[in-house]
C-alpha atoms as a PDB file:
ATOM      1  CA  MET A   1      42.461  12.682  41.684  1.00  0.00           C
ATOM      2  CA  LEU A   2      39.648  10.634  43.146  1.00  0.00           C
ATOM      3  CA  HIS A   3      41.805   8.126  44.877  1.00  0.00           C
ATOM      4  CA  GLY A   4      42.041   8.582  48.656  1.00  0.00           C
ATOM      5  CA  VAL A   5      38.600  10.268  49.315  1.00  0.00           C
ATOM      6  CA  PHE A   6      37.585   7.363  51.582  1.00  0.00           C
ATOM      7  CA  PRO A   7      39.590   5.663  54.361  1.00  0.00           C
ATOM      8  CA  GLU A   8      39.413   2.335  52.422  1.00  0.00           C
ATOM      9  CA  GLU A   9      38.926   1.936  48.708  1.00  0.00           C
ATOM     10  CA  SER A  10      39.179  -0.746  46.087  1.00  0.00           C
ATOM     11  CA  TRP A  11      39.538   0.102  42.408  1.00  0.00           C
ATOM     12  CA  SER A  12      39.095  -1.856  39.217  1.00  0.00           C
ATOM     13  CA  SER A  13      37.996  -1.382  35.576  1.00  0.00           C
ATOM     14  CA  PHE A  14      36.124  -3.394  32.937  1.00  0.00           C
ATOM     15  CA  ARG A  15      34.985  -3.209  29.325  1.00  0.00           C
ATOM     16  CA  THR A  16      31.643  -1.451  28.960  1.00  0.00           C
ATOM     17  CA  ILE A  17      28.952  -3.212  26.998  1.00  0.00           C
ATOM     18  CA  ALA A  18      28.089  -0.137  24.906  1.00  0.00           C
ATOM     19  CA  GLY A  19      28.938   3.479  24.128  1.00  0.00           C
ATOM     20  CA  PHE A  20      25.589   5.047  25.059  1.00  0.00           C
ATOM     21  CA  THR A  21      23.978   5.406  28.383  1.00  0.00           C
ATOM     22  CA  ALA A  22      20.617   3.641  27.769  1.00  0.00           C
ATOM     23  CA  PRO A  23      21.906   0.213  26.737  1.00  0.00           C
ATOM     24  CA  VAL A  24      24.571   0.209  29.511  1.00  0.00           C
ATOM     25  CA  ILE A  25      22.261   1.119  32.309  1.00  0.00           C
ATOM     26  CA  SER A  26      19.576  -1.304  31.011  1.00  0.00           C
ATOM     27  CA  SER A  27      22.176  -4.232  30.966  1.00  0.00           C
ATOM     28  CA  THR A  28      23.421  -3.228  34.466  1.00  0.00           C
ATOM     29  CA  ILE A  29      20.017  -3.124  36.094  1.00  0.00           C
ATOM     30  CA  THR A  30      18.657  -6.289  34.360  1.00  0.00           C
ATOM     31  CA  GLY A  31      21.783  -8.431  33.702  1.00  0.00           C
ATOM     32  CA  CYS A  32      20.700  -8.899  30.054  1.00  0.00           C
ATOM     33  CA  THR A  33      22.485  -7.832  26.917  1.00  0.00           C
ATOM     34  CA  PRO A  34      21.309  -5.014  24.881  1.00  0.00           C
ATOM     35  CA  GLU A  35      20.326  -7.391  22.079  1.00  0.00           C
ATOM     36  CA  GLU A  36      18.157  -9.520  24.489  1.00  0.00           C
ATOM     37  CA  LEU A  37      16.452  -6.309  25.647  1.00  0.00           C
ATOM     38  CA  GLY A  38      15.708  -5.314  22.038  1.00  0.00           C
ATOM     39  CA  LEU A  39      18.183  -2.347  22.059  1.00  0.00           C
ATOM     40  CA  LYS A  40      20.440  -1.142  19.256  1.00  0.00           C
ATOM     41  CA  ARG A  41      23.409   0.192  21.282  1.00  0.00           C
ATOM     42  CA  GLU A  42      22.786   3.647  19.922  1.00  0.00           C
ATOM     43  CA  GLU A  43      21.039   6.999  20.671  1.00  0.00           C
ATOM     44  CA  SER A  44      17.525   5.736  19.737  1.00  0.00           C
ATOM     45  CA  ASP A  45      17.675   3.472  22.831  1.00  0.00           C
ATOM     46  CA  PHE A  46      16.760   6.372  25.010  1.00  0.00           C
ATOM     47  CA  TRP A  47      13.181   6.075  23.750  1.00  0.00           C
ATOM     48  CA  ALA A  48      12.991   2.279  23.675  1.00  0.00           C
ATOM     49  CA  GLU A  49      10.979  -0.066  25.670  1.00  0.00           C
ATOM     50  CA  LEU A  50      12.778  -3.112  27.046  1.00  0.00           C
ATOM     51  CA  ASN A  51      11.778  -6.653  26.262  1.00  0.00           C
ATOM     52  CA  LYS A  52      10.374  -7.611  29.718  1.00  0.00           C
ATOM     53  CA  ASP A  53      10.017 -11.279  28.674  1.00  0.00           C
ATOM     54  CA  VAL A  54      13.785 -11.889  29.143  1.00  0.00           C
ATOM     55  CA  ILE A  55      14.188 -10.068  32.420  1.00  0.00           C
ATOM     56  CA  LYS A  56      14.366 -12.479  35.372  1.00  0.00           C
ATOM     57  CA  ASP A  57      15.056  -9.852  38.035  1.00  0.00           C
ATOM     58  CA  MET A  58      16.326  -6.239  38.256  1.00  0.00           C
ATOM     59  CA  LEU A  59      18.776  -4.598  40.699  1.00  0.00           C
ATOM     60  CA  PHE A  60      15.850  -2.710  42.324  1.00  0.00           C
ATOM     61  CA  ASP A  61      14.046  -5.951  43.104  1.00  0.00           C
ATOM     62  CA  HIS A  62      16.625  -6.653  45.793  1.00  0.00           C
ATOM     63  CA  PHE A  63      15.995  -3.456  47.715  1.00  0.00           C
ATOM     64  CA  GLU A  64      12.798  -2.960  49.692  1.00  0.00           C
ATOM     65  CA  LYS A  65      13.036   0.849  49.590  1.00  0.00           C
ATOM     66  CA  TYR A  66      14.941   2.809  46.978  1.00  0.00           C
ATOM     67  CA  ILE A  67      14.854   6.046  45.050  1.00  0.00           C
ATOM     68  CA  SER A  68      16.803   7.386  42.044  1.00  0.00           C
ATOM     69  CA  ILE A  69      18.135  10.775  41.086  1.00  0.00           C
ATOM     70  CA  GLY A  70      19.081  11.658  37.428  1.00  0.00           C
ATOM     71  CA  ARG A  71      18.329  14.269  34.919  1.00  0.00           C
ATOM     72  CA  LEU A  72      17.146  11.726  32.304  1.00  0.00           C
ATOM     73  CA  ILE A  73      14.564  10.219  34.708  1.00  0.00           C
ATOM     74  CA  GLY A  74      13.842  12.566  37.571  1.00  0.00           C
ATOM     75  CA  PRO A  75      10.751  14.831  37.989  1.00  0.00           C
ATOM     76  CA  GLU A  76      10.916  18.647  38.007  1.00  0.00           C
ATOM     77  CA  THR A  77      12.072  20.195  41.232  1.00  0.00           C
ATOM     78  CA  ARG A  78      11.884  23.715  42.655  1.00  0.00           C
ATOM     79  CA  THR A  79      15.553  24.135  41.782  1.00  0.00           C
ATOM     80  CA  MET A  80      15.689  22.570  38.325  1.00  0.00           C
ATOM     81  CA  PRO A  81      12.949  22.690  35.606  1.00  0.00           C
ATOM     82  CA  LEU A  82      12.261  19.925  33.163  1.00  0.00           C
ATOM     83  CA  PRO A  83      13.737  20.261  29.633  1.00  0.00           C
ATOM     84  CA  PRO A  84      11.319  21.031  26.841  1.00  0.00           C
ATOM     85  CA  SER A  85      11.189  17.521  25.503  1.00  0.00           C
ATOM     86  CA  ARG A  86       9.897  16.246  28.713  1.00  0.00           C
ATOM     87  CA  ILE A  87       7.329  18.951  29.597  1.00  0.00           C
ATOM     88  CA  GLY A  88       3.764  17.575  29.150  1.00  0.00           C
ATOM     89  CA  HIS A  89       5.060  14.190  27.812  1.00  0.00           C
ATOM     90  CA  ASP A  90       5.247  10.854  29.390  1.00  0.00           C
ATOM     91  CA  PHE A  91       8.865   9.718  29.233  1.00  0.00           C
ATOM     92  CA  PRO A  92       8.978   6.294  30.823  1.00  0.00           C
ATOM     93  CA  PHE A  93      12.724   5.969  30.441  1.00  0.00           C
ATOM     94  CA  LEU A  94      13.600   2.246  29.737  1.00  0.00           C
ATOM     95  CA  LYS A  95      10.215   0.892  30.699  1.00  0.00           C
ATOM     96  CA  PRO A  96       9.514  -1.381  32.603  1.00  0.00           C
ATOM     97  CA  ILE A  97      12.270  -0.274  34.888  1.00  0.00           C
ATOM     98  CA  LYS A  98      10.626   1.373  37.899  1.00  0.00           C
ATOM     99  CA  TRP A  99      12.941   4.268  38.871  1.00  0.00           C
ATOM    100  CA  ASN A 100      11.108   5.747  41.874  1.00  0.00           C
ATOM    101  CA  ALA A 101      12.738   9.012  40.658  1.00  0.00           C
ATOM    102  CA  VAL A 102      12.704  11.950  42.994  1.00  0.00           C
ATOM    103  CA  SER A 103      14.771  14.628  41.240  1.00  0.00           C
ATOM    104  CA  ASN A 104      16.340  15.566  37.882  1.00  0.00           C
ATOM    105  CA  TRP A 105      19.151  17.578  39.478  1.00  0.00           C
ATOM    106  CA  ASP A 106      22.557  16.146  40.278  1.00  0.00           C
ATOM    107  CA  LEU A 107      23.088  18.128  43.433  1.00  0.00           C
ATOM    108  CA  ASP A 108      19.848  16.829  45.042  1.00  0.00           C
ATOM    109  CA  ILE A 109      21.941  13.916  46.030  1.00  0.00           C
ATOM    110  CA  TYR A 110      22.930  15.953  49.081  1.00  0.00           C
ATOM    111  CA  ARG A 111      19.270  16.492  49.906  1.00  0.00           C
ATOM    112  CA  TYR A 112      18.167  12.951  49.790  1.00  0.00           C
ATOM    113  CA  PHE A 113      21.352  11.427  51.183  1.00  0.00           C
ATOM    114  CA  GLY A 114      21.177  13.932  54.072  1.00  0.00           C
ATOM    115  CA  MET A 115      17.554  12.932  54.749  1.00  0.00           C
ATOM    116  CA  LYS A 116      18.622   9.314  54.980  1.00  0.00           C
ATOM    117  CA  TRP A 117      21.376  10.013  57.424  1.00  0.00           C
ATOM    118  CA  SER A 118      19.626  12.812  59.412  1.00  0.00           C
ATOM    119  CA  GLY A 119      18.912  11.965  63.041  1.00  0.00           C
ATOM    120  CA  VAL A 120      15.676  14.008  62.933  1.00  0.00           C
ATOM    121  CA  SER A 121      14.375  13.185  59.415  1.00  0.00           C
ATOM    122  CA  PRO A 122      11.950  10.144  59.238  1.00  0.00           C
ATOM    123  CA  TYR A 123      12.995   8.892  55.847  1.00  0.00           C
ATOM    124  CA  TRP A 124      14.895   5.844  54.837  1.00  0.00           C
ATOM    125  CA  TRP A 125      15.939   4.133  51.519  1.00  0.00           C
ATOM    126  CA  ASP A 126      17.971   1.052  51.241  1.00  0.00           C
ATOM    127  CA  LEU A 127      19.429   2.176  47.947  1.00  0.00           C
ATOM    128  CA  ILE A 128      19.922   5.497  46.241  1.00  0.00           C
ATOM    129  CA  TRP A 129      20.662   5.152  42.591  1.00  0.00           C
ATOM    130  CA  PHE A 130      22.539   8.228  41.366  1.00  0.00           C
ATOM    131  CA  HIS A 131      23.146   8.886  37.778  1.00  0.00           C
ATOM    132  CA  ASN A 132      25.200  12.054  37.630  1.00  0.00           C
ATOM    133  CA  PHE A 133      26.842  14.073  34.808  1.00  0.00           C
ATOM    134  CA  PHE A 134      29.743  15.491  36.684  1.00  0.00           C
ATOM    135  CA  CYS A 135      32.346  13.873  34.347  1.00  0.00           C
ATOM    136  CA  HIS A 136      30.116  13.753  31.305  1.00  0.00           C
ATOM    137  CA  GLY A 137      30.528  16.166  28.430  1.00  0.00           C
ATOM    138  CA  GLY A 138      29.460  19.670  29.362  1.00  0.00           C
ATOM    139  CA  TYR A 139      30.750  19.095  32.930  1.00  0.00           C
ATOM    140  CA  SER A 140      28.030  21.119  34.427  1.00  0.00           C
ATOM    141  CA  ILE A 141      26.108  20.713  37.814  1.00  0.00           C
ATOM    142  CA  VAL A 142      23.543  23.321  36.828  1.00  0.00           C
ATOM    143  CA  ASP A 143      21.883  21.623  33.934  1.00  0.00           C
ATOM    144  CA  SER A 144      18.765  19.487  33.384  1.00  0.00           C
ATOM    145  CA  LYS A 145      18.751  19.069  29.724  1.00  0.00           C
ATOM    146  CA  GLY A 146      17.138  15.952  28.415  1.00  0.00           C
ATOM    147  CA  ALA A 147      18.366  13.482  25.733  1.00  0.00           C
ATOM    148  CA  LYS A 148      16.811  15.536  22.916  1.00  0.00           C
ATOM    149  CA  GLU A 149      18.351  18.880  24.028  1.00  0.00           C
ATOM    150  CA  SER A 150      21.645  17.835  25.523  1.00  0.00           C
ATOM    151  CA  PRO A 151      24.410  18.552  22.921  1.00  0.00           C
ATOM    152  CA  GLU A 152      26.880  16.279  24.793  1.00  0.00           C
ATOM    153  CA  ILE A 153      24.865  13.237  23.707  1.00  0.00           C
ATOM    154  CA  LYS A 154      26.330  13.472  20.213  1.00  0.00           C
ATOM    155  CA  ASN A 155      29.346  15.552  20.198  1.00  0.00           C
ATOM    156  CA  CYS A 156      29.809  17.061  23.639  1.00  0.00           C
ATOM    157  CA  GLY A 157      28.827  20.506  22.392  1.00  0.00           C
ATOM    158  CA  LYS A 158      30.369  22.955  20.014  1.00  0.00           C
ATOM    159  CA  VAL A 159      32.654  24.411  22.663  1.00  0.00           C
ATOM    160  CA  GLN A 160      33.975  21.029  23.690  1.00  0.00           C
ATOM    161  CA  LYS A 161      34.411  19.993  20.045  1.00  0.00           C
ATOM    162  CA  TYR A 162      36.307  23.184  19.332  1.00  0.00           C
ATOM    163  CA  LEU A 163      38.621  22.736  22.362  1.00  0.00           C
ATOM    164  CA  CYS A 164      39.349  19.139  21.554  1.00  0.00           C
ATOM    165  CA  HIS A 165      40.692  20.107  18.116  1.00  0.00           C
ATOM    166  CA  ASN A 166      42.212  23.514  18.872  1.00  0.00           C
ATOM    167  CA  ASN A 167      43.021  23.813  22.499  1.00  0.00           C
ATOM    168  CA  PRO A 168      43.832  20.513  24.146  1.00  0.00           C
ATOM    169  CA  GLU A 169      44.906  22.099  27.500  1.00  0.00           C
ATOM    170  CA  GLY A 170      41.699  24.002  27.524  1.00  0.00           C
ATOM    171  CA  MET A 171      39.787  20.826  27.130  1.00  0.00           C
ATOM    172  CA  LYS A 172      41.684  19.149  29.927  1.00  0.00           C
ATOM    173  CA  SER A 173      40.865  22.120  32.170  1.00  0.00           C
ATOM    174  CA  LEU A 174      37.166  21.870  31.356  1.00  0.00           C
ATOM    175  CA  TYR A 175      37.198  18.141  32.011  1.00  0.00           C
ATOM    176  CA  MET A 176      38.971  18.739  35.427  1.00  0.00           C
ATOM    177  CA  GLN A 177      36.105  20.960  36.569  1.00  0.00           C
ATOM    178  CA  GLY A 178      33.872  17.929  36.294  1.00  0.00           C
ATOM    179  CA  VAL A 179      36.378  15.787  38.152  1.00  0.00           C
ATOM    180  CA  TYR A 180      36.631  18.469  41.014  1.00  0.00           C
ATOM    181  CA  ASN A 181      32.773  18.504  41.190  1.00  0.00           C
ATOM    182  CA  ALA A 182      32.825  14.746  41.578  1.00  0.00           C
ATOM    183  CA  LEU A 183      35.498  14.977  44.283  1.00  0.00           C
ATOM    184  CA  GLN A 184      33.678  17.521  46.331  1.00  0.00           C
ATOM    185  CA  VAL A 185      30.327  15.502  46.137  1.00  0.00           C
ATOM    186  CA  LEU A 186      32.023  12.216  47.175  1.00  0.00           C
ATOM    187  CA  THR A 187      33.752  13.997  50.012  1.00  0.00           C
ATOM    188  CA  GLY A 188      30.350  15.397  51.120  1.00  0.00           C
ATOM    189  CA  LEU A 189      28.633  12.001  50.991  1.00  0.00           C
ATOM    190  CA  ARG A 190      31.521  10.486  53.051  1.00  0.00           C
ATOM    191  CA  ASP A 191      31.132  13.115  55.762  1.00  0.00           C
ATOM    192  CA  ILE A 192      27.308  13.076  55.830  1.00  0.00           C
ATOM    193  CA  CYS A 193      27.156   9.258  56.571  1.00  0.00           C
ATOM    194  CA  ASP A 194      30.482   9.123  58.459  1.00  0.00           C
ATOM    195  CA  ASN A 195      31.523   6.617  55.836  1.00  0.00           C
ATOM    196  CA  LYS A 196      28.896   4.055  57.028  1.00  0.00           C
ATOM    197  CA  GLU A 197      27.127   3.828  53.649  1.00  0.00           C
ATOM    198  CA  THR A 198      28.452   1.351  51.061  1.00  0.00           C
ATOM    199  CA  ILE A 199      29.095   3.506  48.040  1.00  0.00           C
ATOM    200  CA  ILE A 200      29.829   1.837  44.620  1.00  0.00           C
ATOM    201  CA  CYS A 201      30.692   4.019  41.641  1.00  0.00           C
ATOM    202  CA  PHE A 202      31.170   3.077  38.001  1.00  0.00           C
ATOM    203  CA  ALA A 203      31.044   4.802  34.641  1.00  0.00           C
ATOM    204  CA  ASP A 204      28.591   3.834  31.943  1.00  0.00           C
ATOM    205  CA  HIS A 205      30.779   4.843  29.006  1.00  0.00           C
ATOM    206  CA  GLY A 206      33.856   6.670  27.953  1.00  0.00           C
ATOM    207  CA  GLU A 207      33.971   9.959  25.975  1.00  0.00           C
ATOM    208  CA  SER A 208      36.169  10.890  22.998  1.00  0.00           C
ATOM    209  CA  PHE A 209      38.419  13.933  23.172  1.00  0.00           C
ATOM    210  CA  GLY A 210      39.018  13.670  19.425  1.00  0.00           C
ATOM    211  CA  PRO A 211      42.671  14.157  18.426  1.00  0.00           C
ATOM    212  CA  MET A 212      43.794  13.388  22.112  1.00  0.00           C
ATOM    213  CA  ASP A 213      42.471   9.827  21.682  1.00  0.00           C
ATOM    214  CA  GLY A 214      43.643   9.576  18.020  1.00  0.00           C
ATOM    215  CA  LEU A 215      40.163  10.188  16.715  1.00  0.00           C
ATOM    216  CA  THR A 216      38.165  12.751  14.788  1.00  0.00           C
ATOM    217  CA  ASP A 217      34.820  12.442  16.493  1.00  0.00           C
ATOM    218  CA  THR A 218      34.269  13.882  20.000  1.00  0.00           C
ATOM    219  CA  GLY A 219      31.817  12.642  22.654  1.00  0.00           C
ATOM    220  CA  HIS A 220      29.741   9.692  21.771  1.00  0.00           C
ATOM    221  CA  PHE A 221      29.582   7.550  18.676  1.00  0.00           C
ATOM    222  CA  SER A 222      28.312   4.076  17.840  1.00  0.00           C
ATOM    223  CA  GLY A 223      30.881   1.279  18.445  1.00  0.00           C
ATOM    224  CA  MET A 224      33.088   3.429  20.842  1.00  0.00           C
ATOM    225  CA  GLU A 225      32.955   0.558  23.303  1.00  0.00           C
ATOM    226  CA  GLU A 226      35.494  -1.322  20.985  1.00  0.00           C
ATOM    227  CA  HIS A 227      38.023   1.507  21.374  1.00  0.00           C
ATOM    228  CA  PRO A 228      40.866   0.317  23.686  1.00  0.00           C
ATOM    229  CA  VAL A 229      40.536   3.511  25.917  1.00  0.00           C
ATOM    230  CA  LEU A 230      36.935   4.671  25.538  1.00  0.00           C
ATOM    231  CA  GLY A 231      35.695   1.154  26.143  1.00  0.00           C
ATOM    232  CA  THR A 232      37.286   0.721  29.522  1.00  0.00           C
ATOM    233  CA  VAL A 233      35.456   2.226  32.408  1.00  0.00           C
ATOM    234  CA  PRO A 234      36.354   2.421  36.171  1.00  0.00           C
ATOM    235  CA  LEU A 235      34.675   0.737  39.106  1.00  0.00           C
ATOM    236  CA  TRP A 236      35.358   1.308  42.767  1.00  0.00           C
ATOM    237  CA  ILE A 237      33.837   0.651  46.178  1.00  0.00           C
ATOM    238  CA  ASN A 238      34.649   2.412  49.492  1.00  0.00           C
ATOM    239  CA  LYS A 239      35.666  -0.913  51.100  1.00  0.00           C
ATOM    240  CA  LYS A 240      38.678  -3.024  51.154  1.00  0.00           C
ATOM    241  CA  GLU A 241      37.413  -5.594  48.707  1.00  0.00           C
ATOM    242  CA  THR A 242      38.576  -7.918  46.065  1.00  0.00           C
ATOM    243  CA  ILE A 243      36.635  -6.943  42.908  1.00  0.00           C
ATOM    244  CA  PRO A 244      36.144  -9.951  40.651  1.00  0.00           C
ATOM    245  CA  SER A 245      38.439 -10.052  37.631  1.00  0.00           C
ATOM    246  CA  ASP A 246      35.473 -10.911  35.403  1.00  0.00           C
ATOM    247  CA  ILE A 247      33.262  -8.100  36.514  1.00  0.00           C
ATOM    248  CA  ASN A 248      31.056  -6.578  33.731  1.00  0.00           C
ATOM    249  CA  ASN A 249      27.809  -4.908  33.130  1.00  0.00           C
ATOM    250  CA  LEU A 250      25.922  -8.229  33.057  1.00  0.00           C
ATOM    251  CA  ASN A 251      27.004  -9.422  36.573  1.00  0.00           C
ATOM    252  CA  LEU A 252      27.517  -6.123  38.251  1.00  0.00           C
ATOM    253  CA  LYS A 253      23.947  -6.260  39.587  1.00  0.00           C
ATOM    254  CA  ASP A 254      24.629  -9.410  41.456  1.00  0.00           C
ATOM    255  CA  TRP A 255      27.899  -8.080  42.867  1.00  0.00           C
ATOM    256  CA  ILE A 256      26.226  -4.937  44.164  1.00  0.00           C
ATOM    257  CA  VAL A 257      23.663  -7.075  46.037  1.00  0.00           C
ATOM    258  CA  LYS A 258      26.476  -9.276  47.445  1.00  0.00           C
ATOM    259  CA  MET A 259      28.319  -6.161  48.722  1.00  0.00           C
ATOM    260  CA  ARG A 260      25.015  -4.984  50.341  1.00  0.00           C
ATOM    261  CA  ASP A 261      24.596  -8.314  52.095  1.00  0.00           C
ATOM    262  CA  LYS A 262      28.307  -8.181  53.285  1.00  0.00           C
ATOM    263  CA  TYR A 263      28.618  -4.683  54.454  1.00  0.00           C
ATOM    264  CA  GLU A 264      25.130  -3.626  55.508  1.00  0.00           C
ATOM    265  CA  CYS A 265      24.067  -6.783  57.321  1.00  0.00           C
ATOM    266  CA  GLU A 266      23.153  -7.291  60.981  1.00  0.00           C
ATOM    267  CA  GLY A 267      25.906  -6.350  63.367  1.00  0.00           C
ATOM    268  CA  THR A 268      27.218  -3.446  61.291  1.00  0.00           C
ATOM    269  CA  GLU A 269      26.929   0.287  62.148  1.00  0.00           C
ATOM    270  CA  TYR A 270      24.893   0.709  58.992  1.00  0.00           C
ATOM    271  CA  TYR A 271      22.310  -1.904  60.124  1.00  0.00           C
ATOM    272  CA  ASP A 272      22.081  -0.269  63.529  1.00  0.00           C
ATOM    273  CA  TRP A 273      21.416   3.039  62.073  1.00  0.00           C
ATOM    274  CA  LYS A 274      18.805   1.579  59.734  1.00  0.00           C
ATOM    275  CA  GLN A 275      16.926   0.126  62.665  1.00  0.00           C
ATOM    276  CA  LYS A 276      16.811   3.565  64.435  1.00  0.00           C
ATOM    277  CA  LYS A 277      15.578   5.290  61.246  1.00  0.00           C
ATOM    278  CA  LEU A 278      12.922   2.595  60.532  1.00  0.00           C
ATOM    279  CA  ALA A 279      11.590   3.113  64.099  1.00  0.00           C
ATOM    280  CA  MET A 280      11.364   6.900  63.347  1.00  0.00           C
ATOM    281  CA  VAL A 281       9.516   6.161  60.115  1.00  0.00           C
ATOM    282  CA  LYS A 282       6.959   4.049  61.907  1.00  0.00           C
ATOM    283  CA  LYS A 283       6.279   6.965  64.345  1.00  0.00           C
END
């Protein structure tokens, strides 16, 4: 379904390092294992602080200007309020990672991506980290629930659990809503930047559909990264590129930086646009 959105694409897959978001993202951004970072590869990692002594560098260290968008880290916006668990509380997700978060709503990617590529907007970011829930249990783009409220964290919600066990076709239809949302957003991003931006997408974890995967549990559960299907996640880039066969969460950071250096360097359309925007910012 998502193949063919961009003129050129390269697809691959790899074994994810954990079944929950927090340890996967932590390892991807730092290049360290969950154990090195003091994480347990489970739900409690959402509220954990990383062992900074083992971190040599982070993905964001390689980008002069960056922002992030995601419902687990972003601030309240006019469109989407904060979930109860985050109101009036400091929630430094995976500290000491500095997220520079600007929004907790998935669809604000249009707003900030548009600001970056607008010819009249004096804003520029070298990297926009976008953690979306389009293909995550619940499959909603109008939700800002946090880790404590979101039912999909544990079992993908009562409706999804029921569908998995009693109406497989209904479950597939619900899932496809998320895929269609992802398709539309990627198409929009392609058109906004005229495909000049280097876009790299990967999944942090799989998700169990219960009996359809030969399992009883739905959603997330500890150790799901060992499952032959749930533990394999996709990776793709909107370039004709040979993705290393040994790509994984621990070396993904360095590969992303390598792709930036290759496709957004001096002499590219991207670089020329960046210089124009930086001139606008200075004004």
